[in-house]
Amino acid sequence: MTNVVGDWVWMLAFFPLWAVMAGIWFGFASGPKKLAGPRVRKLLDGTAVALSVCSATGILIGLNCEALIRLPFGDQACHSAGLQLIAWAGS
């Protein structure tokens, strides 16, 4: 039961973090959007959404690698990131 509650805590923590990251990425995109046409604005909006979701997920996985509570998908990500870091350090 503790694992289920812990997993939900991490999942619920995603939304406020995503809101902050969305504000940051949409803030970065606001300057070029003023000069862009409608198609480029849609592209910038889509890019900002994708980057905000990826940033929030990456931050949570990074926090989860050292945490006592584990995300359901975080163990594999931490393991593969550790292997990539070892491979990078060995080269």
C-alpha atoms as a PDB file:
ATOM      1  CA  MET A   1       0.000   0.000   0.000  1.00  0.00           C
ATOM      2  CA  THR A   2       2.890   2.345   0.732  1.00  0.00           C
ATOM      3  CA  ASN A   3       4.209   1.915  -2.820  1.00  0.00           C
ATOM      4  CA  VAL A   4       0.858   2.882  -4.333  1.00  0.00           C
ATOM      5  CA  VAL A   5       0.593   6.027  -2.201  1.00  0.00           C
ATOM      6  CA  GLY A   6       4.189   6.959  -2.957  1.00  0.00           C
ATOM      7  CA  ASP A   7       3.651   6.483  -6.687  1.00  0.00           C
ATOM      8  CA  TRP A   8       0.593   8.749  -6.612  1.00  0.00           C
ATOM      9  CA  VAL A   9       2.510  11.412  -4.706  1.00  0.00           C
ATOM     10  CA  TRP A  10       5.134  11.507  -7.453  1.00  0.00           C
ATOM     11  CA  MET A  11       2.514  11.510 -10.189  1.00  0.00           C
ATOM     12  CA  LEU A  12       0.653  14.394  -8.537  1.00  0.00           C
ATOM     13  CA  ALA A  13       3.944  16.261  -8.120  1.00  0.00           C
ATOM     14  CA  PHE A  14       4.275  16.251 -11.917  1.00  0.00           C
ATOM     15  CA  PHE A  15       1.461  18.734 -12.558  1.00  0.00           C
ATOM     16  CA  PRO A  16       2.753  21.730 -10.543  1.00  0.00           C
ATOM     17  CA  LEU A  17       6.245  21.106 -11.892  1.00  0.00           C
ATOM     18  CA  TRP A  18       4.866  20.903 -15.423  1.00  0.00           C
ATOM     19  CA  ALA A  19       2.997  24.196 -14.884  1.00  0.00           C
ATOM     20  CA  VAL A  20       6.242  25.899 -13.857  1.00  0.00           C
ATOM     21  CA  MET A  21       8.167  24.408 -16.769  1.00  0.00           C
ATOM     22  CA  ALA A  22       5.381  25.358 -19.204  1.00  0.00           C
ATOM     23  CA  GLY A  23       5.589  28.951 -17.993  1.00  0.00           C
ATOM     24  CA  ILE A  24       9.337  28.973 -18.532  1.00  0.00           C
ATOM     25  CA  TRP A  25       9.241  27.422 -22.022  1.00  0.00           C
ATOM     26  CA  PHE A  26       6.282  29.492 -23.199  1.00  0.00           C
ATOM     27  CA  GLY A  27       8.111  32.554 -21.870  1.00  0.00           C
ATOM     28  CA  PHE A  28      11.125  31.649 -24.002  1.00  0.00           C
ATOM     29  CA  ALA A  29       8.871  31.176 -27.033  1.00  0.00           C
ATOM     30  CA  SER A  30       6.964  34.432 -26.576  1.00  0.00           C
ATOM     31  CA  GLY A  31       9.678  36.612 -28.123  1.00  0.00           C
ATOM     32  CA  PRO A  32       9.953  34.775 -31.449  1.00  0.00           C
ATOM     33  CA  LYS A  33       6.151  34.330 -31.588  1.00  0.00           C
ATOM     34  CA  LYS A  34       5.683  38.088 -31.922  1.00  0.00           C
ATOM     35  CA  LEU A  35       7.597  38.085 -35.203  1.00  0.00           C
ATOM     36  CA  ALA A  36       6.384  34.764 -36.563  1.00  0.00           C
ATOM     37  CA  GLY A  37       3.509  33.817 -38.802  1.00  0.00           C
ATOM     38  CA  PRO A  38       0.622  31.532 -37.800  1.00  0.00           C
ATOM     39  CA  ARG A  39       2.336  28.283 -38.804  1.00  0.00           C
ATOM     40  CA  VAL A  40       5.520  29.089 -36.930  1.00  0.00           C
ATOM     41  CA  ARG A  41       3.467  30.109 -33.877  1.00  0.00           C
ATOM     42  CA  LYS A  42       1.835  26.680 -33.862  1.00  0.00           C
ATOM     43  CA  LEU A  43       5.266  25.070 -34.177  1.00  0.00           C
ATOM     44  CA  LEU A  44       6.624  27.164 -31.301  1.00  0.00           C
ATOM     45  CA  ASP A  45       3.610  26.315 -29.128  1.00  0.00           C
ATOM     46  CA  GLY A  46       3.996  22.603 -29.840  1.00  0.00           C
ATOM     47  CA  THR A  47       7.711  22.770 -29.133  1.00  0.00           C
ATOM     48  CA  ALA A  48       7.101  24.596 -25.850  1.00  0.00           C
ATOM     49  CA  VAL A  49       4.561  21.971 -24.753  1.00  0.00           C
ATOM     50  CA  ALA A  50       6.889  19.095 -25.675  1.00  0.00           C
ATOM     51  CA  LEU A  51       9.875  20.678 -23.933  1.00  0.00           C
ATOM     52  CA  SER A  52       7.872  21.465 -20.802  1.00  0.00           C
ATOM     53  CA  VAL A  53       6.615  17.875 -20.503  1.00  0.00           C
ATOM     54  CA  CYS A  54      10.090  16.459 -21.171  1.00  0.00           C
ATOM     55  CA  SER A  55      11.701  18.874 -18.702  1.00  0.00           C
ATOM     56  CA  ALA A  56       9.240  18.085 -15.923  1.00  0.00           C
ATOM     57  CA  THR A  57       9.589  14.342 -16.512  1.00  0.00           C
ATOM     58  CA  GLY A  58      13.373  14.563 -16.580  1.00  0.00           C
ATOM     59  CA  ILE A  59      13.468  16.548 -13.353  1.00  0.00           C
ATOM     60  CA  LEU A  60      11.209  14.039 -11.588  1.00  0.00           C
ATOM     61  CA  ILE A  61      13.275  11.104 -12.825  1.00  0.00           C
ATOM     62  CA  GLY A  62      16.441  12.875 -11.712  1.00  0.00           C
ATOM     63  CA  LEU A  63      14.965  13.497  -8.282  1.00  0.00           C
ATOM     64  CA  ASN A  64      13.705   9.920  -8.147  1.00  0.00           C
ATOM     65  CA  CYS A  65      17.108   8.328  -8.780  1.00  0.00           C
ATOM     66  CA  GLU A  66      18.276   9.401  -5.324  1.00  0.00           C
ATOM     67  CA  ALA A  67      14.906   9.213  -3.570  1.00  0.00           C
ATOM     68  CA  LEU A  68      13.470   6.626  -1.238  1.00  0.00           C
ATOM     69  CA  ILE A  69      10.155   6.642  -3.129  1.00  0.00           C
ATOM     70  CA  ARG A  70      10.376   5.276  -6.664  1.00  0.00           C
ATOM     71  CA  LEU A  71       8.391   6.272  -9.734  1.00  0.00           C
ATOM     72  CA  PRO A  72       6.830   3.331 -11.571  1.00  0.00           C
ATOM     73  CA  PHE A  73       8.918   4.022 -14.690  1.00  0.00           C
ATOM     74  CA  GLY A  74      11.885   5.613 -12.945  1.00  0.00           C
ATOM     75  CA  ASP A  75      13.927   2.530 -12.090  1.00  0.00           C
ATOM     76  CA  GLN A  76      14.591   1.650 -15.701  1.00  0.00           C
ATOM     77  CA  ALA A  77      15.398   5.281 -16.559  1.00  0.00           C
ATOM     78  CA  CYS A  78      17.817   5.582 -13.638  1.00  0.00           C
ATOM     79  CA  HIS A  79      19.450   2.294 -14.597  1.00  0.00           C
ATOM     80  CA  SER A  80      19.905   3.253 -18.255  1.00  0.00           C
ATOM     81  CA  ALA A  81      21.124   6.745 -17.321  1.00  0.00           C
ATOM     82  CA  GLY A  82      23.684   5.160 -14.995  1.00  0.00           C
ATOM     83  CA  LEU A  83      24.897   2.850 -17.753  1.00  0.00           C
ATOM     84  CA  GLN A  84      25.197   5.782 -20.166  1.00  0.00           C
ATOM     85  CA  LEU A  85      27.152   7.757 -17.586  1.00  0.00           C
ATOM     86  CA  ILE A  86      29.499   4.821 -17.003  1.00  0.00           C
ATOM     87  CA  ALA A  87      29.991   4.367 -20.756  1.00  0.00           C
ATOM     88  CA  TRP A  88      30.627   8.098 -21.186  1.00  0.00           C
ATOM     89  CA  ALA A  89      33.142   8.188 -18.318  1.00  0.00           C
ATOM     90  CA  GLY A  90      34.969   5.153 -19.689  1.00  0.00           C
ATOM     91  CA  SER A  91      35.559   6.662 -23.126  1.00  0.00           C
END
